[in-house]
Amino acid sequence: MRLWFRLLVAGLISVGTAAPVPLSTPAAAEEAKPTQEDARSITIKAVDLIAAQGLDEAAKAFNAEGPFKHGEIYVNVIDFAGVWKVYPPRPAGAGQSVINVKDPDGRYVVQDVLAVAKDKGEGWVEYRWLNPASNRIEPKITYVKRVPGQELVAYVGIYK
């Protein structure tokens, strides 16, 4: 189910009414499991924001609770050297090289992300990662997209 539809049903957004009709609680909306389509659409919107307003302005939106950061959803941005430009779970990590980060199976996750961005412009990368909500290693799928004309890559992942 699309994120906008879930938010509409949860009463967090409204269409053609003066106020949202609370059919559910905000907590229930937060518990809704994000989908691959959610990850893809948020990544595309993030790339569009970087292209339109620049990385510094976009980073403010990515680090704040809202459409780019909620629940397990957050936007990562790295450059082609594998350096974090935006990492909302730990903003102080910006500037850190993550080029050699491996998942528990030994996959070079960031190198895979960069390969998709450089070779195809956008696409999916699958790996296993620690889910902070469950504190377990779980399968994760991430949508990757290069910022046109820049050596930057935005990506958003969800746990399967």
N, C-alpha and C. Protein backbone atom coordinates (compact mmCIF):
# COMPACT_ATOMS: atom_id res chain seq x y z
N MET A 1 0.84 -1.17 0.00
CA MET A 1 0.00 0.00 0.00
C MET A 1 0.90 1.24 0.00
N ARG A 2 0.58 2.22 -0.82
CA ARG A 2 1.39 3.42 -0.92
C ARG A 2 1.39 4.19 0.40
N LEU A 3 2.53 4.85 0.70
CA LEU A 3 2.68 5.61 1.92
C LEU A 3 1.64 6.71 2.03
N TRP A 4 1.38 7.46 0.96
CA TRP A 4 0.41 8.55 1.03
C TRP A 4 -0.97 8.01 1.38
N PHE A 5 -1.30 6.82 0.86
CA PHE A 5 -2.60 6.22 1.15
C PHE A 5 -2.69 5.81 2.61
N ARG A 6 -1.61 5.22 3.13
CA ARG A 6 -1.60 4.82 4.54
C ARG A 6 -1.73 6.05 5.43
N LEU A 7 -1.05 7.15 5.07
CA LEU A 7 -1.16 8.38 5.86
C LEU A 7 -2.56 8.97 5.77
N LEU A 8 -3.16 8.89 4.59
CA LEU A 8 -4.53 9.38 4.43
C LEU A 8 -5.49 8.57 5.30
N VAL A 9 -5.36 7.26 5.24
CA VAL A 9 -6.21 6.38 6.03
C VAL A 9 -5.97 6.61 7.53
N ALA A 10 -4.73 6.87 7.90
CA ALA A 10 -4.41 7.10 9.31
C ALA A 10 -4.88 8.47 9.79
N GLY A 11 -5.34 9.31 8.86
CA GLY A 11 -5.82 10.63 9.24
C GLY A 11 -4.72 11.65 9.41
N LEU A 12 -3.51 11.33 8.94
CA LEU A 12 -2.40 12.26 9.08
C LEU A 12 -2.35 13.27 7.95
N ILE A 13 -3.01 12.98 6.84
CA ILE A 13 -3.19 13.96 5.77
C ILE A 13 -4.64 13.91 5.35
N SER A 14 -5.11 14.97 4.74
CA SER A 14 -6.50 14.99 4.32
C SER A 14 -6.61 15.52 2.91
N VAL A 15 -7.70 15.17 2.26
CA VAL A 15 -7.98 15.64 0.92
C VAL A 15 -9.38 16.23 0.92
N GLY A 16 -9.47 17.54 0.69
CA GLY A 16 -10.76 18.19 0.56
C GLY A 16 -11.55 18.34 1.84
N THR A 17 -10.91 18.22 3.00
CA THR A 17 -11.60 18.46 4.26
C THR A 17 -10.82 19.48 5.06
N ALA A 18 -11.48 20.13 5.97
CA ALA A 18 -10.83 21.15 6.78
C ALA A 18 -9.83 20.54 7.75
N ALA A 19 -10.12 19.35 8.22
CA ALA A 19 -9.23 18.70 9.18
C ALA A 19 -9.22 17.21 8.90
N PRO A 20 -8.12 16.54 9.23
CA PRO A 20 -8.08 15.10 9.03
C PRO A 20 -9.09 14.40 9.92
N VAL A 21 -9.63 13.33 9.38
CA VAL A 21 -10.55 12.51 10.15
C VAL A 21 -9.74 11.37 10.74
N PRO A 22 -9.56 11.35 12.07
CA PRO A 22 -8.69 10.33 12.66
C PRO A 22 -9.32 8.95 12.64
N LEU A 23 -9.03 8.19 11.60
CA LEU A 23 -9.51 6.81 11.50
C LEU A 23 -8.58 5.86 12.23
N SER A 24 -7.41 6.35 12.58
CA SER A 24 -6.42 5.55 13.27
C SER A 24 -5.55 6.51 14.06
N THR A 25 -4.61 6.00 14.79
CA THR A 25 -3.72 6.85 15.57
C THR A 25 -2.41 7.05 14.83
N PRO A 26 -1.68 8.15 15.14
CA PRO A 26 -0.36 8.31 14.54
C PRO A 26 0.56 7.13 14.83
N ALA A 27 0.42 6.54 16.00
CA ALA A 27 1.26 5.38 16.33
C ALA A 27 0.99 4.22 15.38
N ALA A 28 -0.26 4.03 14.99
CA ALA A 28 -0.58 2.96 14.04
C ALA A 28 0.04 3.23 12.69
N ALA A 29 0.05 4.51 12.27
CA ALA A 29 0.68 4.86 11.00
C ALA A 29 2.18 4.58 11.07
N GLU A 30 2.80 4.88 12.23
CA GLU A 30 4.23 4.66 12.40
C GLU A 30 4.56 3.17 12.31
N GLU A 31 3.63 2.32 12.77
CA GLU A 31 3.87 0.88 12.77
C GLU A 31 3.70 0.26 11.38
N ALA A 32 3.08 0.98 10.45
CA ALA A 32 2.87 0.45 9.10
C ALA A 32 4.23 0.15 8.48
N LYS A 33 4.38 -1.06 8.00
CA LYS A 33 5.65 -1.49 7.41
C LYS A 33 5.86 -0.80 6.07
N PRO A 34 6.98 -0.07 5.91
CA PRO A 34 7.24 0.56 4.61
C PRO A 34 7.47 -0.50 3.53
N THR A 35 7.12 -0.14 2.32
CA THR A 35 7.24 -1.05 1.18
C THR A 35 8.43 -0.66 0.31
N GLN A 36 8.74 -1.54 -0.64
CA GLN A 36 9.79 -1.23 -1.61
C GLN A 36 9.40 0.01 -2.41
N GLU A 37 8.14 0.16 -2.74
CA GLU A 37 7.70 1.35 -3.48
C GLU A 37 7.92 2.61 -2.64
N ASP A 38 7.71 2.52 -1.33
CA ASP A 38 7.98 3.66 -0.45
C ASP A 38 9.47 4.03 -0.54
N ALA A 39 10.34 3.04 -0.43
CA ALA A 39 11.78 3.29 -0.49
C ALA A 39 12.17 3.91 -1.82
N ARG A 40 11.63 3.38 -2.90
CA ARG A 40 11.93 3.90 -4.23
C ARG A 40 11.46 5.34 -4.39
N SER A 41 10.21 5.61 -4.02
CA SER A 41 9.67 6.96 -4.24
C SER A 41 10.35 7.99 -3.36
N ILE A 42 10.70 7.63 -2.12
CA ILE A 42 11.40 8.58 -1.25
C ILE A 42 12.80 8.85 -1.78
N THR A 43 13.47 7.82 -2.29
CA THR A 43 14.80 8.01 -2.88
C THR A 43 14.73 8.97 -4.06
N ILE A 44 13.77 8.77 -4.93
CA ILE A 44 13.62 9.64 -6.11
C ILE A 44 13.34 11.08 -5.68
N LYS A 45 12.46 11.26 -4.69
CA LYS A 45 12.17 12.61 -4.19
C LYS A 45 13.41 13.23 -3.55
N ALA A 46 14.20 12.43 -2.87
CA ALA A 46 15.44 12.93 -2.26
C ALA A 46 16.42 13.41 -3.31
N VAL A 47 16.58 12.64 -4.38
CA VAL A 47 17.47 13.03 -5.47
C VAL A 47 16.97 14.32 -6.11
N ASP A 48 15.67 14.43 -6.33
CA ASP A 48 15.10 15.65 -6.90
C ASP A 48 15.37 16.86 -6.01
N LEU A 49 15.26 16.67 -4.69
CA LEU A 49 15.51 17.76 -3.75
C LEU A 49 16.97 18.19 -3.78
N ILE A 50 17.89 17.23 -3.81
CA ILE A 50 19.32 17.57 -3.90
C ILE A 50 19.58 18.34 -5.19
N ALA A 51 19.04 17.87 -6.30
CA ALA A 51 19.25 18.52 -7.60
C ALA A 51 18.69 19.94 -7.61
N ALA A 52 17.55 20.15 -6.96
CA ALA A 52 16.89 21.46 -6.98
C ALA A 52 17.47 22.44 -5.97
N GLN A 53 17.82 21.96 -4.77
CA GLN A 53 18.20 22.88 -3.70
C GLN A 53 19.63 22.73 -3.22
N GLY A 54 20.33 21.73 -3.69
CA GLY A 54 21.70 21.49 -3.23
C GLY A 54 21.72 20.58 -2.02
N LEU A 55 22.86 19.98 -1.79
CA LEU A 55 22.99 18.98 -0.73
C LEU A 55 22.80 19.58 0.66
N ASP A 56 23.34 20.76 0.91
CA ASP A 56 23.24 21.34 2.25
C ASP A 56 21.79 21.56 2.67
N GLU A 57 20.98 22.13 1.77
CA GLU A 57 19.56 22.34 2.09
C GLU A 57 18.82 21.02 2.20
N ALA A 58 19.09 20.10 1.28
CA ALA A 58 18.42 18.80 1.32
C ALA A 58 18.77 18.06 2.61
N ALA A 59 20.01 18.15 3.05
CA ALA A 59 20.44 17.45 4.26
C ALA A 59 19.61 17.87 5.47
N LYS A 60 19.21 19.13 5.52
CA LYS A 60 18.37 19.59 6.64
C LYS A 60 17.05 18.81 6.66
N ALA A 61 16.45 18.63 5.49
CA ALA A 61 15.20 17.87 5.40
C ALA A 61 15.43 16.39 5.70
N PHE A 62 16.56 15.84 5.26
CA PHE A 62 16.85 14.42 5.46
C PHE A 62 17.10 14.09 6.94
N ASN A 63 17.68 15.04 7.68
CA ASN A 63 18.01 14.80 9.08
C ASN A 63 16.85 15.10 10.04
N ALA A 64 15.81 15.77 9.57
CA ALA A 64 14.66 16.13 10.41
C ALA A 64 13.56 15.07 10.28
N GLU A 65 12.85 14.83 11.36
CA GLU A 65 11.69 13.93 11.28
C GLU A 65 10.72 14.50 10.26
N GLY A 66 10.19 13.64 9.40
CA GLY A 66 9.26 14.09 8.38
C GLY A 66 9.23 13.10 7.24
N PRO A 67 8.95 13.57 6.04
CA PRO A 67 8.77 12.65 4.91
C PRO A 67 10.03 11.87 4.52
N PHE A 68 11.21 12.40 4.86
CA PHE A 68 12.45 11.71 4.50
C PHE A 68 13.05 10.90 5.65
N LYS A 69 12.48 11.06 6.85
CA LYS A 69 13.01 10.35 8.03
C LYS A 69 11.85 10.06 8.97
N HIS A 70 11.45 8.78 9.01
CA HIS A 70 10.39 8.34 9.91
C HIS A 70 10.48 6.82 10.04
N GLY A 71 10.28 6.34 11.26
CA GLY A 71 10.38 4.90 11.49
C GLY A 71 11.74 4.39 11.03
N GLU A 72 11.71 3.31 10.23
CA GLU A 72 12.97 2.75 9.72
C GLU A 72 13.45 3.44 8.45
N ILE A 73 12.70 4.42 7.97
CA ILE A 73 13.04 5.13 6.73
C ILE A 73 13.95 6.31 7.02
N TYR A 74 15.04 6.39 6.28
CA TYR A 74 15.90 7.57 6.29
C TYR A 74 16.71 7.56 5.00
N VAL A 75 17.13 8.75 4.58
CA VAL A 75 17.88 8.91 3.34
C VAL A 75 19.36 8.98 3.66
N ASN A 76 20.13 8.09 3.05
CA ASN A 76 21.59 8.15 3.10
C ASN A 76 22.06 8.85 1.84
N VAL A 77 23.15 9.60 1.94
CA VAL A 77 23.79 10.16 0.75
C VAL A 77 25.29 9.92 0.89
N ILE A 78 25.88 9.37 -0.17
CA ILE A 78 27.33 9.18 -0.22
C ILE A 78 27.85 9.78 -1.51
N ASP A 79 29.16 10.04 -1.53
CA ASP A 79 29.77 10.48 -2.78
C ASP A 79 30.43 9.28 -3.45
N PHE A 80 30.97 9.50 -4.63
CA PHE A 80 31.54 8.39 -5.40
C PHE A 80 32.80 7.80 -4.75
N ALA A 81 33.37 8.49 -3.77
CA ALA A 81 34.52 7.94 -3.04
C ALA A 81 34.06 7.06 -1.88
N GLY A 82 32.74 6.99 -1.65
CA GLY A 82 32.21 6.18 -0.56
C GLY A 82 32.25 6.90 0.78
N VAL A 83 32.15 8.23 0.74
CA VAL A 83 32.14 9.04 1.96
C VAL A 83 30.70 9.47 2.24
N TRP A 84 30.27 9.23 3.49
CA TRP A 84 28.94 9.67 3.90
C TRP A 84 28.83 11.17 3.81
N LYS A 85 27.82 11.65 3.15
CA LYS A 85 27.50 13.07 3.12
C LYS A 85 26.31 13.34 4.04
N VAL A 86 25.38 12.38 4.12
CA VAL A 86 24.23 12.46 5.02
C VAL A 86 23.98 11.06 5.56
N TYR A 87 23.90 10.97 6.90
CA TYR A 87 23.56 9.71 7.55
C TYR A 87 22.71 10.02 8.79
N PRO A 88 21.38 10.14 8.62
CA PRO A 88 20.51 10.57 9.71
C PRO A 88 20.59 9.78 11.03
N PRO A 89 20.83 8.45 11.01
CA PRO A 89 20.92 7.79 12.31
C PRO A 89 22.08 8.29 13.17
N ARG A 90 23.11 8.83 12.51
CA ARG A 90 24.27 9.37 13.24
C ARG A 90 24.85 10.50 12.41
N PRO A 91 24.25 11.70 12.49
CA PRO A 91 24.70 12.83 11.67
C PRO A 91 26.20 13.13 11.81
N ALA A 92 26.77 12.84 12.96
CA ALA A 92 28.20 13.09 13.16
C ALA A 92 29.05 12.19 12.25
N GLY A 93 28.45 11.14 11.68
CA GLY A 93 29.18 10.26 10.77
C GLY A 93 29.44 10.87 9.41
N ALA A 94 28.80 12.00 9.10
CA ALA A 94 29.05 12.67 7.82
C ALA A 94 30.54 12.99 7.71
N GLY A 95 31.09 12.69 6.54
CA GLY A 95 32.52 12.88 6.30
C GLY A 95 33.33 11.61 6.49
N GLN A 96 32.74 10.58 7.04
CA GLN A 96 33.42 9.31 7.28
C GLN A 96 33.38 8.44 6.03
N SER A 97 34.50 7.80 5.72
CA SER A 97 34.53 6.85 4.60
C SER A 97 33.88 5.55 5.03
N VAL A 98 32.96 5.06 4.19
CA VAL A 98 32.29 3.78 4.46
C VAL A 98 32.48 2.83 3.28
N ILE A 99 33.45 3.11 2.44
CA ILE A 99 33.67 2.36 1.21
C ILE A 99 33.90 0.87 1.47
N ASN A 100 34.47 0.51 2.61
CA ASN A 100 34.79 -0.89 2.89
C ASN A 100 33.84 -1.54 3.89
N VAL A 101 32.67 -0.94 4.11
CA VAL A 101 31.69 -1.52 5.03
C VAL A 101 31.14 -2.81 4.43
N LYS A 102 31.12 -3.85 5.27
CA LYS A 102 30.61 -5.16 4.84
C LYS A 102 29.38 -5.53 5.65
N ASP A 103 28.50 -6.32 5.04
CA ASP A 103 27.38 -6.88 5.79
C ASP A 103 27.89 -8.15 6.50
N PRO A 104 27.07 -8.79 7.33
CA PRO A 104 27.53 -9.99 8.05
C PRO A 104 27.97 -11.14 7.15
N ASP A 105 27.56 -11.11 5.87
CA ASP A 105 27.97 -12.15 4.93
C ASP A 105 29.24 -11.79 4.17
N GLY A 106 29.82 -10.63 4.47
CA GLY A 106 31.05 -10.22 3.81
C GLY A 106 30.86 -9.42 2.53
N ARG A 107 29.63 -9.06 2.20
CA ARG A 107 29.36 -8.23 1.01
C ARG A 107 29.77 -6.79 1.28
N TYR A 108 30.44 -6.19 0.33
CA TYR A 108 30.80 -4.78 0.42
C TYR A 108 29.59 -3.95 0.00
N VAL A 109 28.76 -3.60 0.94
CA VAL A 109 27.47 -2.97 0.67
C VAL A 109 27.64 -1.64 -0.06
N VAL A 110 28.51 -0.77 0.42
CA VAL A 110 28.67 0.55 -0.20
C VAL A 110 29.24 0.42 -1.61
N GLN A 111 30.15 -0.52 -1.81
CA GLN A 111 30.68 -0.74 -3.15
C GLN A 111 29.58 -1.22 -4.09
N ASP A 112 28.67 -2.05 -3.59
CA ASP A 112 27.53 -2.50 -4.39
C ASP A 112 26.61 -1.33 -4.73
N VAL A 113 26.34 -0.47 -3.75
CA VAL A 113 25.52 0.73 -3.96
C VAL A 113 26.13 1.60 -5.04
N LEU A 114 27.43 1.85 -4.94
CA LEU A 114 28.11 2.69 -5.92
C LEU A 114 28.12 2.05 -7.30
N ALA A 115 28.29 0.75 -7.38
CA ALA A 115 28.30 0.07 -8.68
C ALA A 115 26.96 0.24 -9.38
N VAL A 116 25.85 0.08 -8.65
CA VAL A 116 24.54 0.27 -9.25
C VAL A 116 24.38 1.72 -9.73
N ALA A 117 24.75 2.67 -8.90
CA ALA A 117 24.61 4.09 -9.25
C ALA A 117 25.44 4.46 -10.47
N LYS A 118 26.68 3.98 -10.51
CA LYS A 118 27.58 4.32 -11.62
C LYS A 118 27.21 3.60 -12.91
N ASP A 119 26.85 2.32 -12.79
CA ASP A 119 26.58 1.50 -13.98
C ASP A 119 25.18 1.69 -14.56
N LYS A 120 24.18 1.82 -13.69
CA LYS A 120 22.79 1.87 -14.16
C LYS A 120 22.09 3.19 -13.86
N GLY A 121 22.66 3.99 -12.96
CA GLY A 121 22.01 5.23 -12.56
C GLY A 121 21.08 5.05 -11.38
N GLU A 122 20.39 3.90 -11.34
CA GLU A 122 19.51 3.59 -10.22
C GLU A 122 19.17 2.11 -10.24
N GLY A 123 18.73 1.61 -9.08
CA GLY A 123 18.34 0.22 -8.98
C GLY A 123 18.37 -0.26 -7.54
N TRP A 124 18.25 -1.57 -7.37
CA TRP A 124 18.13 -2.20 -6.06
C TRP A 124 19.41 -2.90 -5.65
N VAL A 125 19.69 -2.87 -4.34
CA VAL A 125 20.80 -3.62 -3.74
C VAL A 125 20.22 -4.37 -2.54
N GLU A 126 20.51 -5.67 -2.47
CA GLU A 126 20.04 -6.48 -1.34
C GLU A 126 21.23 -6.94 -0.51
N TYR A 127 21.03 -6.99 0.80
CA TYR A 127 22.07 -7.42 1.73
C TYR A 127 21.41 -7.73 3.06
N ARG A 128 22.19 -8.07 4.06
CA ARG A 128 21.65 -8.30 5.40
C ARG A 128 22.27 -7.25 6.32
N TRP A 129 21.45 -6.75 7.27
CA TRP A 129 21.92 -5.67 8.12
C TRP A 129 21.24 -5.75 9.47
N LEU A 130 21.85 -5.15 10.48
CA LEU A 130 21.26 -5.12 11.81
C LEU A 130 20.08 -4.16 11.83
N ASN A 131 18.90 -4.70 12.15
CA ASN A 131 17.71 -3.88 12.28
C ASN A 131 17.68 -3.34 13.71
N PRO A 132 17.81 -2.01 13.88
CA PRO A 132 17.85 -1.49 15.24
C PRO A 132 16.54 -1.70 16.01
N ALA A 133 15.43 -1.87 15.30
CA ALA A 133 14.14 -2.08 15.96
C ALA A 133 14.06 -3.48 16.59
N SER A 134 14.60 -4.49 15.89
CA SER A 134 14.52 -5.86 16.40
C SER A 134 15.83 -6.33 17.03
N ASN A 135 16.90 -5.58 16.77
CA ASN A 135 18.25 -5.95 17.21
C ASN A 135 18.69 -7.29 16.65
N ARG A 136 18.20 -7.60 15.42
CA ARG A 136 18.57 -8.84 14.72
C ARG A 136 19.10 -8.49 13.33
N ILE A 137 19.95 -9.35 12.82
CA ILE A 137 20.39 -9.23 11.44
C ILE A 137 19.24 -9.69 10.56
N GLU A 138 18.82 -8.85 9.62
CA GLU A 138 17.68 -9.15 8.77
C GLU A 138 17.98 -8.78 7.33
N PRO A 139 17.28 -9.41 6.38
CA PRO A 139 17.43 -9.02 4.98
C PRO A 139 16.94 -7.58 4.78
N LYS A 140 17.68 -6.86 3.97
CA LYS A 140 17.33 -5.47 3.68
C LYS A 140 17.45 -5.25 2.18
N ILE A 141 16.57 -4.43 1.64
CA ILE A 141 16.64 -4.07 0.23
C ILE A 141 16.62 -2.55 0.15
N THR A 142 17.51 -2.02 -0.68
CA THR A 142 17.75 -0.59 -0.73
C THR A 142 17.65 -0.09 -2.16
N TYR A 143 16.92 1.01 -2.34
CA TYR A 143 16.84 1.64 -3.65
C TYR A 143 17.90 2.73 -3.73
N VAL A 144 18.66 2.69 -4.81
CA VAL A 144 19.82 3.55 -5.03
C VAL A 144 19.58 4.41 -6.24
N LYS A 145 19.92 5.70 -6.16
CA LYS A 145 19.81 6.57 -7.34
C LYS A 145 20.89 7.63 -7.31
N ARG A 146 21.55 7.79 -8.45
CA ARG A 146 22.56 8.82 -8.61
C ARG A 146 21.88 10.17 -8.81
N VAL A 147 22.47 11.21 -8.23
CA VAL A 147 22.01 12.57 -8.47
C VAL A 147 22.55 12.97 -9.85
N PRO A 148 21.67 13.30 -10.80
CA PRO A 148 22.13 13.62 -12.16
C PRO A 148 23.18 14.74 -12.17
N GLY A 149 24.26 14.48 -12.91
CA GLY A 149 25.31 15.47 -13.07
C GLY A 149 26.20 15.67 -11.86
N GLN A 150 26.01 14.87 -10.83
CA GLN A 150 26.83 14.99 -9.62
C GLN A 150 27.37 13.61 -9.23
N GLU A 151 28.45 13.61 -8.50
CA GLU A 151 29.01 12.35 -8.01
C GLU A 151 28.46 12.06 -6.61
N LEU A 152 27.13 12.08 -6.53
CA LEU A 152 26.42 11.80 -5.29
C LEU A 152 25.38 10.72 -5.53
N VAL A 153 25.14 9.92 -4.51
CA VAL A 153 24.17 8.84 -4.57
C VAL A 153 23.28 8.92 -3.34
N ALA A 154 21.97 8.89 -3.54
CA ALA A 154 21.01 8.81 -2.43
C ALA A 154 20.42 7.42 -2.42
N TYR A 155 20.10 6.92 -1.23
CA TYR A 155 19.48 5.61 -1.14
C TYR A 155 18.68 5.47 0.14
N VAL A 156 17.62 4.66 0.04
CA VAL A 156 16.73 4.38 1.15
C VAL A 156 16.47 2.87 1.15
N GLY A 157 16.57 2.26 2.31
CA GLY A 157 16.35 0.83 2.41
C GLY A 157 15.24 0.49 3.38
N ILE A 158 14.71 -0.72 3.19
CA ILE A 158 13.70 -1.25 4.11
C ILE A 158 14.09 -2.67 4.47
N TYR A 159 13.68 -3.07 5.67
CA TYR A 159 13.88 -4.44 6.09
C TYR A 159 12.75 -5.29 5.53
N LYS A 160 13.10 -6.47 5.03
CA LYS A 160 12.10 -7.35 4.41
C LYS A 160 11.35 -8.15 5.46
